[in-house]
Protein backbone atom coordinates (compact mmCIF):
# COMPACT_ATOMS: atom_id res chain seq x y z
CA UNK A 1 -0.71 10.80 -15.71
CA UNK A 2 -3.34 11.29 -13.02
CA UNK A 3 -3.04 15.08 -13.26
CA UNK A 4 -3.36 14.80 -17.06
CA UNK A 5 -6.56 12.81 -16.62
CA UNK A 6 -8.02 15.54 -14.45
CA UNK A 7 -7.05 18.20 -17.01
CA UNK A 8 -8.73 16.16 -19.73
CA UNK A 9 -11.84 15.72 -17.60
CA UNK A 10 -12.09 19.49 -17.13
CA UNK A 11 -11.49 20.06 -20.84
CA UNK A 12 -14.35 17.83 -21.96
CA UNK A 13 -16.64 18.67 -19.05
CA UNK A 14 -16.69 15.19 -17.53
CA UNK A 15 -16.48 14.20 -13.87
CA UNK A 16 -12.93 12.97 -13.12
CA UNK A 17 -14.11 9.70 -11.59
CA UNK A 18 -16.40 9.02 -14.57
CA UNK A 19 -13.56 9.56 -17.05
CA UNK A 20 -11.50 6.97 -15.24
CA UNK A 21 -14.41 4.55 -15.00
CA UNK A 22 -15.01 4.67 -18.77
CA UNK A 23 -11.39 3.89 -19.57
CA UNK A 24 -10.38 1.50 -16.80
CA UNK A 25 -9.41 -2.14 -17.27
CA UNK A 26 -12.25 -4.49 -16.34
CA UNK A 27 -11.89 -7.78 -14.39
CA UNK A 28 -12.57 -9.88 -17.49
CA UNK A 29 -9.47 -8.48 -19.23
CA UNK A 30 -6.92 -9.99 -16.83
CA UNK A 31 -4.15 -10.97 -17.18
CA UNK A 32 -3.63 -7.67 -19.00
CA UNK A 33 -0.62 -6.72 -21.11
CA UNK A 34 -0.10 -2.99 -20.55
CA UNK A 35 1.99 -2.62 -23.70
CA UNK A 36 5.01 -1.38 -21.74
CA UNK A 37 6.53 -4.69 -20.71
CA UNK A 38 4.31 -5.52 -17.73
CA UNK A 39 1.38 -7.87 -17.31
CA UNK A 40 -1.19 -7.02 -14.62
CA UNK A 41 -2.13 -10.28 -12.92
CA UNK A 42 -5.59 -9.64 -11.45
CA UNK A 43 -7.63 -6.80 -9.96
CA UNK A 44 -11.04 -5.17 -9.80
CA UNK A 45 -10.39 -1.53 -10.69
CA UNK A 46 -14.06 -0.61 -11.26
CA UNK A 47 -14.85 -1.79 -7.72
CA UNK A 48 -12.12 0.51 -6.36
CA UNK A 49 -13.79 3.51 -8.00
CA UNK A 50 -17.28 2.39 -6.96
CA UNK A 51 -16.13 2.01 -3.35
CA UNK A 52 -14.48 5.44 -3.40
CA UNK A 53 -17.65 6.95 -4.82
CA UNK A 54 -20.09 5.26 -2.43
CA UNK A 55 -18.42 4.13 0.80
CA UNK A 56 -15.74 6.81 0.45
CA UNK A 57 -18.31 9.54 -0.06
CA UNK A 58 -16.97 11.10 -3.27
CA UNK A 59 -20.33 12.63 -4.25
CA UNK A 60 -20.78 14.05 -0.76
CA UNK A 61 -17.30 15.58 -1.00
CA UNK A 62 -18.20 17.30 -4.29
CA UNK A 63 -21.35 18.73 -2.74
CA UNK A 64 -19.37 19.89 0.31
CA UNK A 65 -16.88 21.67 -1.95
CA UNK A 66 -19.61 23.52 -3.86
CA UNK A 67 -21.38 24.64 -0.69
CA UNK A 68 -18.13 25.64 1.01
CA UNK A 69 -17.01 27.79 -1.91
CA UNK A 70 -20.41 29.42 -2.26
CA UNK A 71 -20.43 30.32 1.43
CA UNK A 72 -16.80 31.53 1.37
CA UNK A 73 -17.46 33.70 -1.65
CA UNK A 74 -20.55 35.20 -0.03
CA UNK A 75 -18.61 35.87 3.15
CA UNK A 76 -15.74 37.43 1.20
CA UNK A 77 -13.42 34.78 2.64
CA UNK A 78 -10.00 33.96 1.21
CA UNK A 79 -10.58 30.21 1.71
CA UNK A 80 -11.14 27.91 -1.28
CA UNK A 81 -12.03 24.20 -1.21
CA UNK A 82 -11.01 21.49 -3.67
CA UNK A 83 -11.45 17.74 -4.19
CA UNK A 84 -8.94 15.49 -5.93
CA UNK A 85 -8.79 11.78 -6.72
CA UNK A 86 -6.20 9.34 -7.97
CA UNK A 87 -6.28 5.76 -9.30
CA UNK A 88 -2.96 4.00 -8.86
CA UNK A 89 -1.21 0.72 -9.48
CA UNK A 90 2.05 -0.53 -8.02
CA UNK A 91 4.23 -3.43 -9.09
CA UNK A 92 5.20 -5.39 -5.99
CA UNK A 93 7.49 -8.32 -5.27
CA UNK A 94 10.74 -6.94 -6.74
CA UNK A 95 13.44 -9.49 -7.60
CA UNK A 96 10.69 -12.15 -7.50
CA UNK A 97 12.47 -14.76 -5.30
CA UNK A 98 13.06 -15.17 -1.57
CA UNK A 99 14.26 -17.89 0.76
CA UNK A 100 12.90 -19.28 4.00
CA UNK A 101 13.96 -22.00 6.41
CA UNK A 102 11.52 -23.35 9.00
CA UNK A 103 12.63 -25.41 12.02
CA UNK A 104 10.35 -27.35 14.37
CA UNK A 105 11.63 -28.22 17.86
CA UNK A 106 10.39 -31.11 20.05
CA UNK A 107 8.73 -28.52 22.29
CA UNK A 108 6.49 -27.50 19.40
CA UNK A 109 8.25 -24.16 18.98
CA UNK A 110 8.99 -23.00 15.44
CA UNK A 111 11.82 -20.82 14.13
CA UNK A 112 11.45 -19.16 10.76
CA UNK A 113 14.63 -17.91 9.14
CA UNK A 114 13.78 -15.46 6.38
CA UNK A 115 15.79 -13.71 3.69
CA UNK A 116 13.54 -10.68 4.01
CA UNK A 117 14.79 -8.02 6.43
CA UNK A 118 12.19 -5.90 8.22
CA UNK A 119 12.85 -2.24 8.87
CA UNK A 120 9.91 -1.39 11.09
CA UNK A 121 6.93 -2.40 8.98
CA UNK A 122 5.79 -5.27 11.22
CA UNK A 123 7.13 -8.01 8.96
CA UNK A 124 8.06 -10.32 11.83
CA UNK A 125 4.46 -10.31 13.05
CA UNK A 126 3.00 -10.98 9.61
CA UNK A 127 5.42 -13.78 8.75
CA UNK A 128 4.77 -15.42 12.13
CA UNK A 129 1.04 -15.14 11.45
CA UNK A 130 1.40 -16.83 8.05
CA UNK A 131 3.27 -19.79 9.56
CA UNK A 132 0.99 -20.04 12.60
CA UNK A 133 -2.18 -20.04 10.50
CA UNK A 134 -0.86 -22.69 8.11
CA UNK A 135 0.22 -25.01 10.94
CA UNK A 136 -2.69 -24.14 13.27
CA UNK A 137 -0.47 -23.16 16.18
CA UNK A 138 -0.46 -20.03 18.37
CA UNK A 139 1.61 -17.16 16.97
CA UNK A 140 3.58 -17.14 20.22
CA UNK A 141 5.15 -20.46 19.18
CA UNK A 142 6.75 -18.90 16.08
CA UNK A 143 10.00 -16.94 16.26
CA UNK A 144 11.23 -15.04 13.19
CA UNK A 145 14.96 -14.61 12.58
CA UNK A 146 16.37 -12.41 9.81
CA UNK A 147 19.56 -10.72 8.67
CA UNK A 148 21.91 -13.69 9.22
CA UNK A 149 23.24 -15.31 6.04
CA UNK A 150 25.01 -17.96 8.15
CA UNK A 151 21.58 -19.39 8.92
CA UNK A 152 19.95 -19.12 5.50
CA UNK A 153 21.44 -19.57 2.02
CA UNK A 154 20.55 -16.14 0.70
CA UNK A 155 18.34 -13.14 1.28
CA UNK A 156 17.21 -10.37 -1.02
CA UNK A 157 15.95 -8.03 1.71
CA UNK A 158 13.16 -5.47 1.90
CA UNK A 159 12.40 -2.97 -0.86
CA UNK A 160 9.94 -2.54 -3.69
CA UNK A 161 7.00 -3.74 -1.54
CA UNK A 162 8.32 -7.27 -1.88
CA UNK A 163 8.45 -8.78 1.60
CA UNK A 164 5.01 -10.36 1.91
CA UNK A 165 4.64 -11.05 -1.80
CA UNK A 166 7.93 -12.94 -2.10
CA UNK A 167 9.05 -13.47 1.50
CA UNK A 168 5.57 -14.35 2.71
CA UNK A 169 5.16 -16.87 -0.11
CA UNK A 170 8.48 -18.50 0.83
CA UNK A 171 7.43 -18.73 4.49
CA UNK A 172 4.09 -20.28 3.52
CA UNK A 173 5.81 -22.72 1.16
CA UNK A 174 8.16 -23.86 3.93
CA UNK A 175 5.23 -24.25 6.37
CA UNK A 176 3.27 -26.36 3.88
CA UNK A 177 6.29 -28.56 3.22
CA UNK A 178 6.80 -29.03 6.97
CA UNK A 179 3.15 -29.96 7.44
CA UNK A 180 3.46 -32.58 4.70
CA UNK A 181 6.63 -33.96 6.31
CA UNK A 182 4.87 -34.25 9.68
CA UNK A 183 1.84 -35.96 8.20
CA UNK A 184 3.91 -38.39 6.13
CA UNK A 185 6.11 -39.27 9.13
CA UNK A 186 3.07 -39.82 11.37
CA UNK A 187 1.34 -41.92 8.75
CA UNK A 188 4.40 -44.14 8.40
CA UNK A 189 4.68 -44.60 12.17
CA UNK A 190 0.98 -45.28 12.74
CA UNK A 191 0.18 -47.28 9.64
CA UNK A 192 -2.53 -44.81 8.63
CA UNK A 193 -2.84 -43.54 5.09
CA UNK A 194 -1.47 -40.05 4.48
CA UNK A 195 -4.91 -38.67 3.63
CA UNK A 196 -6.23 -39.96 6.98
CA UNK A 197 -3.82 -37.86 9.07
CA UNK A 198 -4.28 -34.21 9.95
CA UNK A 199 -1.97 -31.79 11.75
CA UNK A 200 -3.75 -29.30 13.97
CA UNK A 201 -2.94 -27.31 17.11
CA UNK A 202 0.48 -28.93 17.36
CA UNK A 203 -0.86 -32.48 17.31
CA UNK A 204 -1.49 -35.21 14.73
CA UNK A 205 -5.09 -36.34 14.43
CA UNK A 206 -6.62 -39.57 13.13
CA UNK A 207 -9.74 -39.71 10.89
CA UNK A 208 -12.04 -39.37 13.94
CA UNK A 209 -10.36 -36.11 14.93
CA UNK A 210 -8.70 -37.62 17.99
CA UNK A 211 -5.07 -36.90 18.80
CA UNK A 212 -2.96 -40.01 18.36
CA UNK A 213 0.49 -38.49 18.31
CA UNK A 214 1.94 -35.34 19.87
CA UNK A 215 4.96 -33.47 18.58
CA UNK A 216 7.22 -34.64 21.43
CA UNK A 217 6.23 -38.28 20.84
CA UNK A 218 6.81 -37.89 17.10
CA UNK A 219 10.35 -36.61 17.69
CA UNK A 220 11.02 -39.49 20.10
CA UNK A 221 9.87 -42.10 17.57
CA UNK A 222 11.82 -40.44 14.75
CA UNK A 223 14.86 -40.03 17.04
CA UNK A 224 15.68 -36.55 15.74
CA UNK A 225 16.36 -33.25 17.48
CA UNK A 226 14.56 -31.06 14.97
CA UNK A 227 12.63 -31.12 11.72
CA UNK A 228 13.12 -28.54 9.03
CA UNK A 229 12.06 -27.51 5.55
CA UNK A 230 13.53 -24.97 3.18
CA UNK A 231 11.96 -22.88 0.44
CA UNK A 232 13.35 -20.77 -2.32
CA UNK A 233 10.10 -19.47 -3.70
CA UNK A 234 10.17 -17.67 -7.02
CA UNK A 235 7.31 -15.60 -8.37
CA UNK A 236 6.73 -15.79 -12.12
CA UNK A 237 6.45 -11.98 -12.30
CA UNK A 238 5.48 -8.96 -10.23
CA UNK A 239 2.03 -8.83 -8.72
CA UNK A 240 0.25 -5.49 -8.90
CA UNK A 241 -1.43 -3.70 -6.01
CA UNK A 242 -3.94 -0.95 -6.78
CA UNK A 243 -5.95 1.79 -5.15
CA UNK A 244 -8.26 4.75 -5.55
CA UNK A 245 -7.74 7.72 -3.21
CA UNK A 246 -9.51 11.01 -2.54
CA UNK A 247 -8.31 14.18 -0.88
CA UNK A 248 -10.38 17.18 0.17
CA UNK A 249 -8.59 20.34 1.19
CA UNK A 250 -8.93 24.07 1.78
CA UNK A 251 -6.47 26.69 0.51
CA UNK A 252 -6.08 30.13 1.99
CA UNK A 253 -5.60 32.37 -1.05
CA UNK A 254 -4.02 35.10 1.08
CA UNK A 255 -1.37 33.04 2.83
CA UNK A 256 -1.04 30.07 0.44
CA UNK A 257 -1.51 27.64 3.32
CA UNK A 258 -3.06 24.25 2.48
CA UNK A 259 -5.23 22.46 5.03
CA UNK A 260 -6.24 18.87 4.25
CA UNK A 261 -9.74 18.24 5.56
CA UNK A 262 -10.27 14.58 4.73
CA UNK A 263 -8.42 11.74 3.07
CA UNK A 264 -9.97 8.47 1.89
CA UNK A 265 -7.93 5.49 0.68
CA UNK A 266 -9.45 2.47 -1.06
CA UNK A 267 -6.74 -0.14 -1.59
CA UNK A 268 -6.41 -3.65 -3.00
CA UNK A 269 -3.36 -5.37 -1.54
CA UNK A 270 -4.71 -8.81 -2.35
CA UNK A 271 -5.28 -11.00 0.69
CA UNK A 272 -4.93 -8.82 3.78
CA UNK A 273 -3.04 -10.96 6.29
CA UNK A 274 -2.88 -8.45 9.13
CA UNK A 275 -5.30 -5.52 8.82
CA UNK A 276 -3.64 -3.39 11.50
CA UNK A 277 -0.22 -3.60 9.86
CA UNK A 278 -1.57 -2.99 6.36
CA UNK A 279 -3.50 0.05 7.58
CA UNK A 280 -0.34 1.34 9.25
CA UNK A 281 1.58 0.97 5.99
CA UNK A 282 -1.12 2.92 4.12
CA UNK A 283 -1.19 5.63 6.80
CA UNK A 284 2.57 6.09 6.61
CA UNK A 285 2.57 6.03 2.82
CA UNK A 286 -0.19 8.61 2.53
CA UNK A 287 1.56 11.00 4.90
CA UNK A 288 4.76 10.46 2.92
CA UNK A 289 2.93 11.39 -0.28
CA UNK A 290 1.38 14.46 1.35
CA UNK A 291 4.88 15.46 2.47
CA UNK A 292 6.22 15.28 -1.06
CA UNK A 293 3.27 17.19 -2.46
CA UNK A 294 3.27 20.17 -0.10
CA UNK A 295 6.13 20.06 2.43
CA UNK A 296 9.43 18.34 1.69
CA UNK A 297 11.97 19.97 -0.62
CA UNK A 298 15.71 19.69 -1.18
CA UNK A 299 17.01 23.14 -2.13
CA UNK A 300 20.48 24.14 -3.28
CA UNK A 301 22.22 27.44 -3.95
CA UNK A 302 23.91 28.45 -7.24
CA UNK A 303 27.03 26.52 -6.23
CA UNK A 304 25.05 23.33 -5.51
CA UNK A 305 25.44 23.66 -1.75
CA UNK A 306 22.44 22.25 0.16
CA UNK A 307 20.29 24.92 1.79
CA UNK A 308 18.39 22.45 3.95
CA UNK A 309 20.54 20.90 6.64
CA UNK A 310 18.09 20.35 9.49
CA UNK A 311 14.39 19.93 10.20
CA UNK A 312 13.91 23.65 10.64
CA UNK A 313 14.53 23.99 6.90
CA UNK A 314 13.33 20.59 5.65
CA UNK A 315 9.68 20.30 6.57
CA UNK A 316 8.43 16.89 7.62
CA UNK A 317 4.73 16.56 8.50
CA UNK A 318 4.00 15.74 12.11
CA UNK A 319 0.78 14.48 13.67
CA UNK A 320 -0.49 18.06 13.55
CA UNK A 321 -0.24 18.22 9.75
CA UNK A 322 -1.40 14.63 9.18
CA UNK A 323 -5.11 14.30 8.40
CA UNK A 324 -7.43 11.58 9.54
CA UNK A 325 -7.15 8.83 6.93
CA UNK A 326 -10.18 6.67 6.22
CA UNK A 327 -9.27 3.27 4.76
CA UNK A 328 -11.37 0.77 2.82
CA UNK A 329 -10.06 -2.56 1.56
CA UNK A 330 -10.82 -4.55 -1.57
CA UNK A 331 -9.34 -8.06 -1.52
CA UNK A 332 -8.57 -9.56 -4.92
CA UNK A 333 -6.16 -12.44 -4.18
CA UNK A 334 -3.05 -12.39 -6.31
CA UNK A 335 -2.65 -15.20 -8.81
CA UNK A 336 1.14 -14.81 -8.62
CA UNK A 337 1.92 -15.13 -4.92
CA UNK A 338 1.45 -18.29 -2.89
CA UNK A 339 -0.30 -16.45 -0.06
CA UNK A 340 -2.54 -14.33 -2.32
CA UNK A 341 -1.05 -11.14 -0.90
CA UNK A 342 0.36 -8.18 -2.79
CA UNK A 343 2.75 -5.54 -1.54
CA UNK A 344 1.39 -2.37 0.06
CA UNK A 345 4.43 -0.47 1.32
CA UNK A 346 4.41 2.25 -1.34
CA UNK A 347 0.75 2.35 -2.36
CA UNK A 348 -0.12 5.26 -0.09
CA UNK A 349 2.76 7.39 -1.33
CA UNK A 350 2.06 6.71 -5.00
CA UNK A 351 -1.60 7.68 -4.65
CA UNK A 352 -1.35 10.59 -2.21
CA UNK A 353 1.01 12.72 -4.26
CA UNK A 354 -1.36 13.19 -7.26
CA UNK A 355 -4.53 13.06 -5.14
CA UNK A 356 -3.34 16.03 -3.09
CA UNK A 357 -2.15 17.94 -6.15
CA UNK A 358 -5.39 17.28 -8.03
CA UNK A 359 -7.34 18.61 -5.04
CA UNK A 360 -5.11 21.68 -4.89
CA UNK A 361 -5.53 22.42 -8.59
CA UNK A 362 -9.28 21.86 -8.26
CA UNK A 363 -9.37 24.54 -5.56
CA UNK A 364 -7.16 27.02 -7.40
CA UNK A 365 -9.25 26.56 -10.54
CA UNK A 366 -12.08 28.26 -8.67
CA UNK A 367 -10.18 31.56 -8.97
CA UNK A 368 -8.60 30.85 -12.34
CA UNK A 369 -5.17 29.88 -11.01
CA UNK A 370 -3.84 26.90 -12.99
CA UNK A 371 -0.53 25.41 -13.98
CA UNK A 372 1.09 24.87 -10.56
CA UNK A 373 3.67 22.52 -12.04
CA UNK A 374 6.28 22.20 -9.28
CA UNK A 375 6.11 20.32 -6.01
CA UNK A 376 6.12 20.87 -3.15
CA UNK A 377 3.24 23.33 -3.26
CA UNK A 378 4.67 25.63 -0.61
CA UNK A 379 2.71 28.69 0.49
CA UNK A 380 5.11 30.82 -1.57
CA UNK A 381 4.42 28.83 -4.75
CA UNK A 382 0.67 28.84 -4.16
CA UNK A 383 0.68 32.60 -3.62
CA UNK A 384 2.79 33.04 -6.77
CA UNK A 385 0.30 31.01 -8.84
CA UNK A 386 -2.55 33.15 -7.50
CA UNK A 387 -0.55 36.35 -8.09
CA UNK A 388 -0.05 35.40 -11.74
CA UNK A 389 -3.82 35.39 -12.14
CA UNK A 390 -4.00 38.89 -10.69
CA UNK A 391 -1.14 40.11 -12.91
CA UNK A 392 -2.77 38.61 -15.97
CA UNK A 393 -6.10 40.27 -15.13
CA UNK A 394 -4.36 43.63 -14.61
CA UNK A 395 -2.59 43.37 -17.97
CA UNK A 396 -5.84 42.42 -19.70
CA UNK A 397 -7.66 45.38 -18.15
CA UNK A 398 -4.82 47.72 -19.17
CA UNK A 399 -4.97 46.51 -22.76
CA UNK A 400 -8.75 46.94 -22.83
CA UNK A 401 -8.41 50.52 -21.48
CA UNK A 402 -5.80 51.47 -24.06
């Protein structure tokens, strides 16, 4: 769809970002029925494009491309520059529901049992941060436990950018329930009204802000070994993340090699709970998308035997091939999740694939090479697309001569 938009923009002589801006859903139209069975909850798509254009330097990139190509042509260079953009949306929070169980010990330590299962994306840190912020305690007091169905009724796991949307909401719900339980118990013990009691920094405060009951004392008076709350939070539907990305690259017309010069990602993942982790997810996703666009390919012979069996044959981008990625955030809190967050795990991949391809086609268009329909855009395929232009020109000249 994003490549089709660029083709349409070229056809009618309109800037690709302007074509998207004229047709994009505006904030006043949410919730928005997309006509294909999904309802977009909330977003600010025009702001994504505006940020890409201004803070992301889209206009500067266009000027750079023009100057680069003029200089390369004058120098008889085989290098060609191109700029591509992409606007993307991603449904996040698959399966909608998740469970959480939160235990408070007399020491003030908390244990969060979650049905979400991290696989390296920093989920333990983010879930601990959600609980710690809600209960106003240091993150070091929160331990996250996952992957054990003996300790929690059920768990859906991690996929479809769902962990913070669904799992984070369940953790927050359990933390809020625990806070209410603490306040109600303290109010009953002290004779204060519930609205007069606050829980902060692991202590219960009276209306003056003074501590009148610590956690250890509360457990002693209640004569219990632990307090706990459970949550089985269910989202009403998916919540949709969105983004606008830009890629600038240079193609060597002689070798077919593609060199990404700059990559800018503007993303709206709702409330950003941990900026470092979200940025890391976007970085990984973008490189994944770049890999699919120009590197990674599963090839088979005529008998369906795989021809790629190791990383000498299956190209995975390393730090050398990965560009510097500039990230900007728009925060439109989700109206579906309890924590206001949306998923972000796949946003970079979804956007990078067409952004890179649009930039490649923009470059090849400079020499009349169009219609590179197959990914990955390997040097061989790029050279073949350029060669077709030469063959077509030769045939045209031959016809004119005859």
